[in-house]
mmCIF file of all heavy atoms, coordinates in Angstrom:
data_MODEL
# 
_entry.id   MODEL 
# 
loop_
_atom_site.group_PDB 
_atom_site.id 
_atom_site.type_symbol 
_atom_site.label_atom_id 
_atom_site.label_alt_id 
_atom_site.label_comp_id 
_atom_site.label_asym_id 
_atom_site.label_entity_id 
_atom_site.label_seq_id 
_atom_site.pdbx_PDB_ins_code 
_atom_site.Cartn_x 
_atom_site.Cartn_y 
_atom_site.Cartn_z 
_atom_site.occupancy 
_atom_site.B_iso_or_equiv 
_atom_site.pdbx_formal_charge 
_atom_site.auth_seq_id 
_atom_site.auth_comp_id 
_atom_site.auth_asym_id 
_atom_site.auth_atom_id 
_atom_site.pdbx_PDB_model_num 
ATOM 1   N N   . LEU A 1 1  ? 0.786  -1.217 -0.031  1.00 0.00 ? 1  LEU A N   1 
ATOM 2   C CA  . LEU A 1 1  ? -0.008 0.013  -0.005  1.00 0.00 ? 1  LEU A CA  1 
ATOM 3   C C   . LEU A 1 1  ? 0.876  1.305  0.013   1.00 0.00 ? 1  LEU A C   1 
ATOM 4   O O   . LEU A 1 1  ? 0.577  2.190  -0.739  1.00 0.00 ? 1  LEU A O   1 
ATOM 5   C CB  . LEU A 1 1  ? -0.906 0.005  1.146   1.00 0.00 ? 1  LEU A CB  1 
ATOM 6   C CG  . LEU A 1 1  ? -1.929 1.133  1.274   1.00 0.00 ? 1  LEU A CG  1 
ATOM 7   C CD1 . LEU A 1 1  ? -3.065 0.868  0.181   1.00 0.00 ? 1  LEU A CD1 1 
ATOM 8   C CD2 . LEU A 1 1  ? -2.538 1.270  2.716   1.00 0.00 ? 1  LEU A CD2 1 
ATOM 9   N N   . LYS A 1 2  ? 1.914  1.224  0.867   1.00 0.00 ? 2  LYS A N   1 
ATOM 10  C CA  . LYS A 1 2  ? 2.845  2.414  0.909   1.00 0.00 ? 2  LYS A CA  1 
ATOM 11  C C   . LYS A 1 2  ? 3.515  2.508  -0.426  1.00 0.00 ? 2  LYS A C   1 
ATOM 12  O O   . LYS A 1 2  ? 3.721  3.750  -0.908  1.00 0.00 ? 2  LYS A O   1 
ATOM 13  C CB  . LYS A 1 2  ? 3.842  2.178  2.072   1.00 0.00 ? 2  LYS A CB  1 
ATOM 14  C CG  . LYS A 1 2  ? 4.665  3.347  2.298   1.00 0.00 ? 2  LYS A CG  1 
ATOM 15  C CD  . LYS A 1 2  ? 5.574  3.077  3.565   1.00 0.00 ? 2  LYS A CD  1 
ATOM 16  C CE  . LYS A 1 2  ? 6.477  4.228  3.833   1.00 0.00 ? 2  LYS A CE  1 
ATOM 17  N NZ  . LYS A 1 2  ? 7.344  3.926  5.034   1.00 0.00 ? 2  LYS A NZ  1 
ATOM 18  N N   . SER A 1 3  ? 3.966  1.475  -1.052  1.00 0.00 ? 3  SER A N   1 
ATOM 19  C CA  . SER A 1 3  ? 4.605  1.569  -2.306  1.00 0.00 ? 3  SER A CA  1 
ATOM 20  C C   . SER A 1 3  ? 3.672  2.145  -3.460  1.00 0.00 ? 3  SER A C   1 
ATOM 21  O O   . SER A 1 3  ? 4.017  2.946  -4.264  1.00 0.00 ? 3  SER A O   1 
ATOM 22  C CB  . SER A 1 3  ? 5.063  0.178  -2.723  1.00 0.00 ? 3  SER A CB  1 
ATOM 23  O OG  . SER A 1 3  ? 5.735  0.162  -3.994  1.00 0.00 ? 3  SER A OG  1 
ATOM 24  N N   . ASP A 1 4  ? 2.469  1.678  -3.401  1.00 0.00 ? 4  ASP A N   1 
ATOM 25  C CA  . ASP A 1 4  ? 1.389  2.119  -4.414  1.00 0.00 ? 4  ASP A CA  1 
ATOM 26  C C   . ASP A 1 4  ? 1.243  3.653  -4.217  1.00 0.00 ? 4  ASP A C   1 
ATOM 27  O O   . ASP A 1 4  ? 1.045  4.359  -5.106  1.00 0.00 ? 4  ASP A O   1 
ATOM 28  C CB  . ASP A 1 4  ? 0.135  1.374  -4.150  1.00 0.00 ? 4  ASP A CB  1 
ATOM 29  C CG  . ASP A 1 4  ? 0.192  0.007  -4.679  1.00 0.00 ? 4  ASP A CG  1 
ATOM 30  O OD1 . ASP A 1 4  ? 1.157  -0.365 -5.378  1.00 0.00 ? 4  ASP A OD1 1 
ATOM 31  O OD2 . ASP A 1 4  ? -0.645 -0.874 -4.297  1.00 0.00 ? 4  ASP A OD2 1 
ATOM 32  N N   . LEU A 1 5  ? 1.083  4.043  -2.958  1.00 0.00 ? 5  LEU A N   1 
ATOM 33  C CA  . LEU A 1 5  ? 0.925  5.581  -2.698  1.00 0.00 ? 5  LEU A CA  1 
ATOM 34  C C   . LEU A 1 5  ? 2.052  6.396  -3.196  1.00 0.00 ? 5  LEU A C   1 
ATOM 35  O O   . LEU A 1 5  ? 1.843  7.389  -3.752  1.00 0.00 ? 5  LEU A O   1 
ATOM 36  C CB  . LEU A 1 5  ? 0.680  5.719  -1.091  1.00 0.00 ? 5  LEU A CB  1 
ATOM 37  C CG  . LEU A 1 5  ? 0.495  7.276  -0.779  1.00 0.00 ? 5  LEU A CG  1 
ATOM 38  C CD1 . LEU A 1 5  ? -0.657 7.866  -1.503  1.00 0.00 ? 5  LEU A CD1 1 
ATOM 39  C CD2 . LEU A 1 5  ? 0.332  7.399  0.773   1.00 0.00 ? 5  LEU A CD2 1 
ATOM 40  N N   . ARG A 1 6  ? 3.276  5.830  -2.960  1.00 0.00 ? 6  ARG A N   1 
ATOM 41  C CA  . ARG A 1 6  ? 4.505  6.588  -3.336  1.00 0.00 ? 6  ARG A CA  1 
ATOM 42  C C   . ARG A 1 6  ? 4.467  6.723  -4.878  1.00 0.00 ? 6  ARG A C   1 
ATOM 43  O O   . ARG A 1 6  ? 4.755  7.769  -5.402  1.00 0.00 ? 6  ARG A O   1 
ATOM 44  C CB  . ARG A 1 6  ? 5.729  5.779  -2.871  1.00 0.00 ? 6  ARG A CB  1 
ATOM 45  C CG  . ARG A 1 6  ? 6.989  6.572  -3.227  1.00 0.00 ? 6  ARG A CG  1 
ATOM 46  C CD  . ARG A 1 6  ? 8.200  5.673  -2.882  1.00 0.00 ? 6  ARG A CD  1 
ATOM 47  N NE  . ARG A 1 6  ? 8.253  5.273  -1.399  1.00 0.00 ? 6  ARG A NE  1 
ATOM 48  C CZ  . ARG A 1 6  ? 8.119  3.993  -1.083  1.00 0.00 ? 6  ARG A CZ  1 
ATOM 49  N NH1 . ARG A 1 6  ? 7.879  3.013  -1.876  1.00 0.00 ? 6  ARG A NH1 1 
ATOM 50  N NH2 . ARG A 1 6  ? 8.102  3.740  0.267   1.00 0.00 ? 6  ARG A NH2 1 
ATOM 51  N N   . GLU A 1 7  ? 4.164  5.674  -5.579  1.00 0.00 ? 7  GLU A N   1 
ATOM 52  C CA  . GLU A 1 7  ? 4.070  5.659  -7.075  1.00 0.00 ? 7  GLU A CA  1 
ATOM 53  C C   . GLU A 1 7  ? 3.023  6.698  -7.592  1.00 0.00 ? 7  GLU A C   1 
ATOM 54  O O   . GLU A 1 7  ? 3.265  7.465  -8.507  1.00 0.00 ? 7  GLU A O   1 
ATOM 55  C CB  . GLU A 1 7  ? 3.850  4.338  -7.676  1.00 0.00 ? 7  GLU A CB  1 
ATOM 56  C CG  . GLU A 1 7  ? 4.986  3.328  -7.489  1.00 0.00 ? 7  GLU A CG  1 
ATOM 57  C CD  . GLU A 1 7  ? 6.335  3.889  -7.940  1.00 0.00 ? 7  GLU A CD  1 
ATOM 58  O OE1 . GLU A 1 7  ? 6.330  4.367  -9.103  1.00 0.00 ? 7  GLU A OE1 1 
ATOM 59  O OE2 . GLU A 1 7  ? 7.369  3.851  -7.236  1.00 0.00 ? 7  GLU A OE2 1 
ATOM 60  N N   . ARG A 1 8  ? 1.852  6.669  -6.897  1.00 0.00 ? 8  ARG A N   1 
ATOM 61  C CA  . ARG A 1 8  ? 0.783  7.592  -7.293  1.00 0.00 ? 8  ARG A CA  1 
ATOM 62  C C   . ARG A 1 8  ? 1.202  9.040  -7.136  1.00 0.00 ? 8  ARG A C   1 
ATOM 63  O O   . ARG A 1 8  ? 0.964  9.924  -8.010  1.00 0.00 ? 8  ARG A O   1 
ATOM 64  C CB  . ARG A 1 8  ? -0.462 7.342  -6.525  1.00 0.00 ? 8  ARG A CB  1 
ATOM 65  C CG  . ARG A 1 8  ? -1.668 8.222  -6.654  1.00 0.00 ? 8  ARG A CG  1 
ATOM 66  C CD  . ARG A 1 8  ? -2.312 7.980  -8.079  1.00 0.00 ? 8  ARG A CD  1 
ATOM 67  N NE  . ARG A 1 8  ? -2.893 6.610  -8.121  1.00 0.00 ? 8  ARG A NE  1 
ATOM 68  C CZ  . ARG A 1 8  ? -4.203 6.358  -7.835  1.00 0.00 ? 8  ARG A CZ  1 
ATOM 69  N NH1 . ARG A 1 8  ? -4.989 7.372  -7.359  1.00 0.00 ? 8  ARG A NH1 1 
ATOM 70  N NH2 . ARG A 1 8  ? -4.636 5.143  -7.939  1.00 0.00 ? 8  ARG A NH2 1 
ATOM 71  N N   . LEU A 1 9  ? 1.935  9.270  -6.014  1.00 0.00 ? 9  LEU A N   1 
ATOM 72  C CA  . LEU A 1 9  ? 2.386  10.640 -5.655  1.00 0.00 ? 9  LEU A CA  1 
ATOM 73  C C   . LEU A 1 9  ? 3.503  11.060 -6.797  1.00 0.00 ? 9  LEU A C   1 
ATOM 74  O O   . LEU A 1 9  ? 3.489  12.287 -7.300  1.00 0.00 ? 9  LEU A O   1 
ATOM 75  C CB  . LEU A 1 9  ? 3.008  10.720 -4.427  1.00 0.00 ? 9  LEU A CB  1 
ATOM 76  C CG  . LEU A 1 9  ? 1.992  10.469 -3.206  1.00 0.00 ? 9  LEU A CG  1 
ATOM 77  C CD1 . LEU A 1 9  ? 2.697  10.546 -1.845  1.00 0.00 ? 9  LEU A CD1 1 
ATOM 78  C CD2 . LEU A 1 9  ? 0.947  11.586 -3.191  1.00 0.00 ? 9  LEU A CD2 1 
ATOM 79  N N   . PHE A 1 10 ? 4.425  10.102 -7.142  1.00 0.00 ? 10 PHE A N   1 
ATOM 80  C CA  . PHE A 1 10 ? 5.381  10.468 -8.139  1.00 0.00 ? 10 PHE A CA  1 
ATOM 81  C C   . PHE A 1 10 ? 4.716  10.889 -9.498  1.00 0.00 ? 10 PHE A C   1 
ATOM 82  O O   . PHE A 1 10 ? 5.117  11.659 -10.160 1.00 0.00 ? 10 PHE A O   1 
ATOM 83  C CB  . PHE A 1 10 ? 6.369  9.321  -8.293  1.00 0.00 ? 10 PHE A CB  1 
ATOM 84  C CG  . PHE A 1 10 ? 7.334  9.187  -7.224  1.00 0.00 ? 10 PHE A CG  1 
ATOM 85  C CD1 . PHE A 1 10 ? 7.875  7.867  -6.898  1.00 0.00 ? 10 PHE A CD1 1 
ATOM 86  C CD2 . PHE A 1 10 ? 7.835  10.302 -6.504  1.00 0.00 ? 10 PHE A CD2 1 
ATOM 87  C CE1 . PHE A 1 10 ? 8.761  7.750  -5.846  1.00 0.00 ? 10 PHE A CE1 1 
ATOM 88  C CE2 . PHE A 1 10 ? 8.635  10.100 -5.467  1.00 0.00 ? 10 PHE A CE2 1 
ATOM 89  C CZ  . PHE A 1 10 ? 9.317  8.856  -5.210  1.00 0.00 ? 10 PHE A CZ  1 
ATOM 90  N N   . GLU A 1 11 ? 3.657  10.150 -9.804  1.00 0.00 ? 11 GLU A N   1 
ATOM 91  C CA  . GLU A 1 11 ? 2.940  10.356 -11.121 1.00 0.00 ? 11 GLU A CA  1 
ATOM 92  C C   . GLU A 1 11 ? 2.351  11.713 -11.064 1.00 0.00 ? 11 GLU A C   1 
ATOM 93  O O   . GLU A 1 11 ? 2.281  12.376 -12.190 1.00 0.00 ? 11 GLU A O   1 
ATOM 94  C CB  . GLU A 1 11 ? 1.843  9.220  -11.364 1.00 0.00 ? 11 GLU A CB  1 
ATOM 95  C CG  . GLU A 1 11 ? 2.458  7.912  -11.646 1.00 0.00 ? 11 GLU A CG  1 
ATOM 96  C CD  . GLU A 1 11 ? 1.392  6.823  -11.648 1.00 0.00 ? 11 GLU A CD  1 
ATOM 97  O OE1 . GLU A 1 11 ? 0.215  7.176  -11.549 1.00 0.00 ? 11 GLU A OE1 1 
ATOM 98  O OE2 . GLU A 1 11 ? 1.811  5.635  -11.797 1.00 0.00 ? 11 GLU A OE2 1 
ATOM 99  N N   . ALA A 1 12 ? 1.889  12.142 -9.894  1.00 0.00 ? 12 ALA A N   1 
ATOM 100 C CA  . ALA A 1 12 ? 1.190  13.467 -9.779  1.00 0.00 ? 12 ALA A CA  1 
ATOM 101 C C   . ALA A 1 12 ? 2.176  14.658 -9.838  1.00 0.00 ? 12 ALA A C   1 
ATOM 102 O O   . ALA A 1 12 ? 1.784  15.796 -10.261 1.00 0.00 ? 12 ALA A O   1 
ATOM 103 C CB  . ALA A 1 12 ? 0.464  13.568 -8.508  1.00 0.00 ? 12 ALA A CB  1 
ATOM 104 N N   . VAL A 1 13 ? 3.399  14.427 -9.580  1.00 0.00 ? 13 VAL A N   1 
ATOM 105 C CA  . VAL A 1 13 ? 4.356  15.428 -9.525  1.00 0.00 ? 13 VAL A CA  1 
ATOM 106 C C   . VAL A 1 13 ? 4.558  16.148 -10.981 1.00 0.00 ? 13 VAL A C   1 
ATOM 107 O O   . VAL A 1 13 ? 4.718  17.387 -11.052 1.00 0.00 ? 13 VAL A O   1 
ATOM 108 C CB  . VAL A 1 13 ? 5.834  14.886 -9.120  1.00 0.00 ? 13 VAL A CB  1 
ATOM 109 C CG1 . VAL A 1 13 ? 6.926  15.894 -9.447  1.00 0.00 ? 13 VAL A CG1 1 
ATOM 110 C CG2 . VAL A 1 13 ? 5.886  14.589 -7.704  1.00 0.00 ? 13 VAL A CG2 1 
ATOM 111 N N   . ILE A 1 14 ? 4.416  15.384 -12.009 1.00 0.00 ? 14 ILE A N   1 
ATOM 112 C CA  . ILE A 1 14 ? 4.481  15.966 -13.394 1.00 0.00 ? 14 ILE A CA  1 
ATOM 113 C C   . ILE A 1 14 ? 3.476  16.941 -13.639 1.00 0.00 ? 14 ILE A C   1 
ATOM 114 O O   . ILE A 1 14 ? 3.620  17.840 -14.546 1.00 0.00 ? 14 ILE A O   1 
ATOM 115 C CB  . ILE A 1 14 ? 4.412  14.754 -14.454 1.00 0.00 ? 14 ILE A CB  1 
ATOM 116 C CG1 . ILE A 1 14 ? 5.074  15.142 -15.680 1.00 0.00 ? 14 ILE A CG1 1 
ATOM 117 C CG2 . ILE A 1 14 ? 3.032  14.242 -14.615 1.00 0.00 ? 14 ILE A CG2 1 
ATOM 118 C CD1 . ILE A 1 14 ? 6.530  15.307 -15.721 1.00 0.00 ? 14 ILE A CD1 1 
ATOM 119 N N   . ASN A 1 15 ? 2.363  16.924 -12.856 1.00 0.00 ? 15 ASN A N   1 
ATOM 120 C CA  . ASN A 1 15 ? 1.369  17.984 -13.059 1.00 0.00 ? 15 ASN A CA  1 
ATOM 121 C C   . ASN A 1 15 ? 1.550  19.238 -12.484 1.00 0.00 ? 15 ASN A C   1 
ATOM 122 O O   . ASN A 1 15 ? 0.709  20.169 -12.479 1.00 0.00 ? 15 ASN A O   1 
ATOM 123 C CB  . ASN A 1 15 ? -0.023 17.336 -12.597 1.00 0.00 ? 15 ASN A CB  1 
ATOM 124 C CG  . ASN A 1 15 ? -0.442 16.115 -13.322 1.00 0.00 ? 15 ASN A CG  1 
ATOM 125 O OD1 . ASN A 1 15 ? -0.317 16.064 -14.553 1.00 0.00 ? 15 ASN A OD1 1 
ATOM 126 N ND2 . ASN A 1 15 ? -0.965 15.042 -12.708 1.00 0.00 ? 15 ASN A ND2 1 
ATOM 127 N N   . ILE A 1 16 ? 2.629  19.345 -11.580 1.00 0.00 ? 16 ILE A N   1 
ATOM 128 C CA  . ILE A 1 16 ? 2.913  20.692 -10.951 1.00 0.00 ? 16 ILE A CA  1 
ATOM 129 C C   . ILE A 1 16 ? 3.156  21.805 -12.048 1.00 0.00 ? 16 ILE A C   1 
ATOM 130 O O   . ILE A 1 16 ? 3.932  21.524 -12.967 1.00 0.00 ? 16 ILE A O   1 
ATOM 131 C CB  . ILE A 1 16 ? 4.090  20.548 -10.068 1.00 0.00 ? 16 ILE A CB  1 
ATOM 132 C CG1 . ILE A 1 16 ? 3.838  19.606 -8.877  1.00 0.00 ? 16 ILE A CG1 1 
ATOM 133 C CG2 . ILE A 1 16 ? 4.621  21.886 -9.604  1.00 0.00 ? 16 ILE A CG2 1 
ATOM 134 C CD1 . ILE A 1 16 ? 5.037  19.353 -7.972  1.00 0.00 ? 16 ILE A CD1 1 
ATOM 135 N N   . ASN A 1 17 ? 2.486  22.884 -11.866 1.00 0.00 ? 17 ASN A N   1 
ATOM 136 C CA  . ASN A 1 17 ? 2.621  23.985 -12.821 1.00 0.00 ? 17 ASN A CA  1 
ATOM 137 C C   . ASN A 1 17 ? 3.899  24.714 -12.544 1.00 0.00 ? 17 ASN A C   1 
ATOM 138 O O   . ASN A 1 17 ? 4.110  25.317 -11.479 1.00 0.00 ? 17 ASN A O   1 
ATOM 139 C CB  . ASN A 1 17 ? 1.391  24.940 -12.686 1.00 0.00 ? 17 ASN A CB  1 
ATOM 140 C CG  . ASN A 1 17 ? 1.538  26.110 -13.550 1.00 0.00 ? 17 ASN A CG  1 
ATOM 141 O OD1 . ASN A 1 17 ? 2.310  26.148 -14.505 1.00 0.00 ? 17 ASN A OD1 1 
ATOM 142 N ND2 . ASN A 1 17 ? 0.834  27.174 -13.234 1.00 0.00 ? 17 ASN A ND2 1 
ATOM 143 N N   . THR A 1 18 ? 4.923  24.492 -13.498 1.00 0.00 ? 18 THR A N   1 
ATOM 144 C CA  . THR A 1 18 ? 6.196  25.066 -13.280 1.00 0.00 ? 18 THR A CA  1 
ATOM 145 C C   . THR A 1 18 ? 6.292  26.439 -14.124 1.00 0.00 ? 18 THR A C   1 
ATOM 146 O O   . THR A 1 18 ? 7.378  26.958 -14.335 1.00 0.00 ? 18 THR A O   1 
ATOM 147 C CB  . THR A 1 18 ? 7.309  24.153 -13.781 1.00 0.00 ? 18 THR A CB  1 
ATOM 148 O OG1 . THR A 1 18 ? 7.096  23.808 -15.137 1.00 0.00 ? 18 THR A OG1 1 
ATOM 149 C CG2 . THR A 1 18 ? 7.368  23.005 -12.970 1.00 0.00 ? 18 THR A CG2 1 
ATOM 150 N N   . ASN A 1 19 ? 5.142  26.984 -14.434 1.00 0.00 ? 19 ASN A N   1 
ATOM 151 C CA  . ASN A 1 19 ? 5.127  28.248 -15.344 1.00 0.00 ? 19 ASN A CA  1 
ATOM 152 C C   . ASN A 1 19 ? 4.486  29.344 -14.511 1.00 0.00 ? 19 ASN A C   1 
ATOM 153 O O   . ASN A 1 19 ? 4.068  30.314 -15.058 1.00 0.00 ? 19 ASN A O   1 
ATOM 154 C CB  . ASN A 1 19 ? 4.354  28.060 -16.606 1.00 0.00 ? 19 ASN A CB  1 
ATOM 155 C CG  . ASN A 1 19 ? 4.640  29.057 -17.570 1.00 0.00 ? 19 ASN A CG  1 
ATOM 156 O OD1 . ASN A 1 19 ? 5.851  29.536 -17.693 1.00 0.00 ? 19 ASN A OD1 1 
ATOM 157 N ND2 . ASN A 1 19 ? 3.711  29.444 -18.406 1.00 0.00 ? 19 ASN A ND2 1 
ATOM 158 N N   . ASN A 1 20 ? 4.574  29.306 -13.223 1.00 0.00 ? 20 ASN A N   1 
ATOM 159 C CA  . ASN A 1 20 ? 3.987  30.368 -12.367 1.00 0.00 ? 20 ASN A CA  1 
ATOM 160 C C   . ASN A 1 20 ? 5.118  31.365 -11.896 1.00 0.00 ? 20 ASN A C   1 
ATOM 161 O O   . ASN A 1 20 ? 6.326  31.119 -12.111 1.00 0.00 ? 20 ASN A O   1 
ATOM 162 C CB  . ASN A 1 20 ? 3.190  29.818 -11.186 1.00 0.00 ? 20 ASN A CB  1 
ATOM 163 C CG  . ASN A 1 20 ? 4.055  29.000 -10.313 1.00 0.00 ? 20 ASN A CG  1 
ATOM 164 O OD1 . ASN A 1 20 ? 5.146  29.438 -9.971  1.00 0.00 ? 20 ASN A OD1 1 
ATOM 165 N ND2 . ASN A 1 20 ? 3.621  27.751 -9.834  1.00 0.00 ? 20 ASN A ND2 1 
ATOM 166 N N   . ALA A 1 21 ? 4.682  32.356 -11.271 1.00 0.00 ? 21 ALA A N   1 
ATOM 167 C CA  . ALA A 1 21 ? 5.590  33.477 -10.945 1.00 0.00 ? 21 ALA A CA  1 
ATOM 168 C C   . ALA A 1 21 ? 6.580  33.117 -9.962  1.00 0.00 ? 21 ALA A C   1 
ATOM 169 O O   . ALA A 1 21 ? 7.700  33.805 -9.741  1.00 0.00 ? 21 ALA A O   1 
ATOM 170 C CB  . ALA A 1 21 ? 4.792  34.670 -10.425 1.00 0.00 ? 21 ALA A CB  1 
ATOM 171 N N   . ALA A 1 22 ? 6.383  31.938 -9.204  1.00 0.00 ? 22 ALA A N   1 
ATOM 172 C CA  . ALA A 1 22 ? 7.348  31.589 -8.129  1.00 0.00 ? 22 ALA A CA  1 
ATOM 173 C C   . ALA A 1 22 ? 8.680  31.111 -8.798  1.00 0.00 ? 22 ALA A C   1 
ATOM 174 O O   . ALA A 1 22 ? 9.713  31.070 -8.120  1.00 0.00 ? 22 ALA A O   1 
ATOM 175 C CB  . ALA A 1 22 ? 6.805  30.507 -7.332  1.00 0.00 ? 22 ALA A CB  1 
ATOM 176 N N   . PHE A 1 23 ? 8.670  30.788 -10.051 1.00 0.00 ? 23 PHE A N   1 
ATOM 177 C CA  . PHE A 1 23 ? 9.840  30.228 -10.633 1.00 0.00 ? 23 PHE A CA  1 
ATOM 178 C C   . PHE A 1 23 ? 10.538 31.316 -11.517 1.00 0.00 ? 23 PHE A C   1 
ATOM 179 O O   . PHE A 1 23 ? 9.758  32.113 -12.155 1.00 0.00 ? 23 PHE A O   1 
ATOM 180 C CB  . PHE A 1 23 ? 9.572  29.053 -11.592 1.00 0.00 ? 23 PHE A CB  1 
ATOM 181 C CG  . PHE A 1 23 ? 8.987  27.844 -10.761 1.00 0.00 ? 23 PHE A CG  1 
ATOM 182 C CD1 . PHE A 1 23 ? 7.684  27.541 -10.744 1.00 0.00 ? 23 PHE A CD1 1 
ATOM 183 C CD2 . PHE A 1 23 ? 9.852  26.947 -10.125 1.00 0.00 ? 23 PHE A CD2 1 
ATOM 184 C CE1 . PHE A 1 23 ? 7.105  26.508 -10.072 1.00 0.00 ? 23 PHE A CE1 1 
ATOM 185 C CE2 . PHE A 1 23 ? 9.406  25.915 -9.369  1.00 0.00 ? 23 PHE A CE2 1 
ATOM 186 C CZ  . PHE A 1 23 ? 8.025  25.630 -9.410  1.00 0.00 ? 23 PHE A CZ  1 
ATOM 187 N N   . SER A 1 24 ? 11.834 31.293 -11.557 1.00 0.00 ? 24 SER A N   1 
ATOM 188 C CA  . SER A 1 24 ? 12.593 32.287 -12.458 1.00 0.00 ? 24 SER A CA  1 
ATOM 189 C C   . SER A 1 24 ? 12.498 31.799 -13.936 1.00 0.00 ? 24 SER A C   1 
ATOM 190 O O   . SER A 1 24 ? 12.057 30.616 -14.107 1.00 0.00 ? 24 SER A O   1 
ATOM 191 C CB  . SER A 1 24 ? 14.034 32.291 -11.962 1.00 0.00 ? 24 SER A CB  1 
ATOM 192 O OG  . SER A 1 24 ? 14.650 31.104 -12.274 1.00 0.00 ? 24 SER A OG  1 
ATOM 193 N N   . ASP A 1 25 ? 12.804 32.671 -14.791 1.00 0.00 ? 25 ASP A N   1 
ATOM 194 C CA  . ASP A 1 25 ? 12.752 32.207 -16.197 1.00 0.00 ? 25 ASP A CA  1 
ATOM 195 C C   . ASP A 1 25 ? 13.738 31.097 -16.399 1.00 0.00 ? 25 ASP A C   1 
ATOM 196 O O   . ASP A 1 25 ? 13.570 30.185 -17.235 1.00 0.00 ? 25 ASP A O   1 
ATOM 197 C CB  . ASP A 1 25 ? 13.040 33.420 -17.224 1.00 0.00 ? 25 ASP A CB  1 
ATOM 198 C CG  . ASP A 1 25 ? 14.412 34.090 -16.830 1.00 0.00 ? 25 ASP A CG  1 
ATOM 199 O OD1 . ASP A 1 25 ? 15.055 33.815 -15.772 1.00 0.00 ? 25 ASP A OD1 1 
ATOM 200 O OD2 . ASP A 1 25 ? 14.850 34.921 -17.655 1.00 0.00 ? 25 ASP A OD2 1 
ATOM 201 N N   . TYR A 1 26 ? 14.876 30.984 -15.704 1.00 0.00 ? 26 TYR A N   1 
ATOM 202 C CA  . TYR A 1 26 ? 15.830 29.951 -15.890 1.00 0.00 ? 26 TYR A CA  1 
ATOM 203 C C   . TYR A 1 26 ? 15.166 28.579 -15.459 1.00 0.00 ? 26 TYR A C   1 
ATOM 204 O O   . TYR A 1 26 ? 15.307 27.593 -16.000 1.00 0.00 ? 26 TYR A O   1 
ATOM 205 C CB  . TYR A 1 26 ? 17.010 30.236 -14.899 1.00 0.00 ? 26 TYR A CB  1 
ATOM 206 C CG  . TYR A 1 26 ? 18.148 29.146 -15.048 1.00 0.00 ? 26 TYR A CG  1 
ATOM 207 C CD1 . TYR A 1 26 ? 19.077 29.193 -16.010 1.00 0.00 ? 26 TYR A CD1 1 
ATOM 208 C CD2 . TYR A 1 26 ? 18.158 28.109 -14.016 1.00 0.00 ? 26 TYR A CD2 1 
ATOM 209 C CE1 . TYR A 1 26 ? 20.094 28.162 -16.114 1.00 0.00 ? 26 TYR A CE1 1 
ATOM 210 C CE2 . TYR A 1 26 ? 19.101 27.124 -14.230 1.00 0.00 ? 26 TYR A CE2 1 
ATOM 211 C CZ  . TYR A 1 26 ? 20.175 27.210 -15.150 1.00 0.00 ? 26 TYR A CZ  1 
ATOM 212 O OH  . TYR A 1 26 ? 21.081 26.202 -15.277 1.00 0.00 ? 26 TYR A OH  1 
ATOM 213 N N   . GLN A 1 27 ? 14.471 28.595 -14.234 1.00 0.00 ? 27 GLN A N   1 
ATOM 214 C CA  . GLN A 1 27 ? 13.749 27.354 -13.774 1.00 0.00 ? 27 GLN A CA  1 
ATOM 215 C C   . GLN A 1 27 ? 12.667 26.989 -14.715 1.00 0.00 ? 27 GLN A C   1 
ATOM 216 O O   . GLN A 1 27 ? 12.475 25.789 -14.960 1.00 0.00 ? 27 GLN A O   1 
ATOM 217 C CB  . GLN A 1 27 ? 13.276 27.655 -12.340 1.00 0.00 ? 27 GLN A CB  1 
ATOM 218 C CG  . GLN A 1 27 ? 14.342 27.820 -11.316 1.00 0.00 ? 27 GLN A CG  1 
ATOM 219 C CD  . GLN A 1 27 ? 13.697 28.324 -9.973  1.00 0.00 ? 27 GLN A CD  1 
ATOM 220 O OE1 . GLN A 1 27 ? 12.921 29.318 -9.956  1.00 0.00 ? 27 GLN A OE1 1 
ATOM 221 N NE2 . GLN A 1 27 ? 13.945 27.566 -8.949  1.00 0.00 ? 27 GLN A NE2 1 
ATOM 222 N N   . LYS A 1 28 ? 11.920 27.907 -15.300 1.00 0.00 ? 28 LYS A N   1 
ATOM 223 C CA  . LYS A 1 28 ? 10.806 27.582 -16.135 1.00 0.00 ? 28 LYS A CA  1 
ATOM 224 C C   . LYS A 1 28 ? 11.384 26.862 -17.447 1.00 0.00 ? 28 LYS A C   1 
ATOM 225 O O   . LYS A 1 28 ? 10.866 25.951 -17.901 1.00 0.00 ? 28 LYS A O   1 
ATOM 226 C CB  . LYS A 1 28 ? 10.084 28.828 -16.483 1.00 0.00 ? 28 LYS A CB  1 
ATOM 227 C CG  . LYS A 1 28 ? 9.254  29.461 -15.348 1.00 0.00 ? 28 LYS A CG  1 
ATOM 228 C CD  . LYS A 1 28 ? 8.641  30.768 -15.834 1.00 0.00 ? 28 LYS A CD  1 
ATOM 229 C CE  . LYS A 1 28 ? 7.979  31.462 -14.677 1.00 0.00 ? 28 LYS A CE  1 
ATOM 230 N NZ  . LYS A 1 28 ? 7.416  32.847 -15.104 1.00 0.00 ? 28 LYS A NZ  1 
# 
């Protein structure tokens, strides 16, 4: 169960919006 949760979380990371104001143009 713990391994399945970890994998589900890793899959969700790709959905993080990296185009917001918190990131520099270099990071984006």
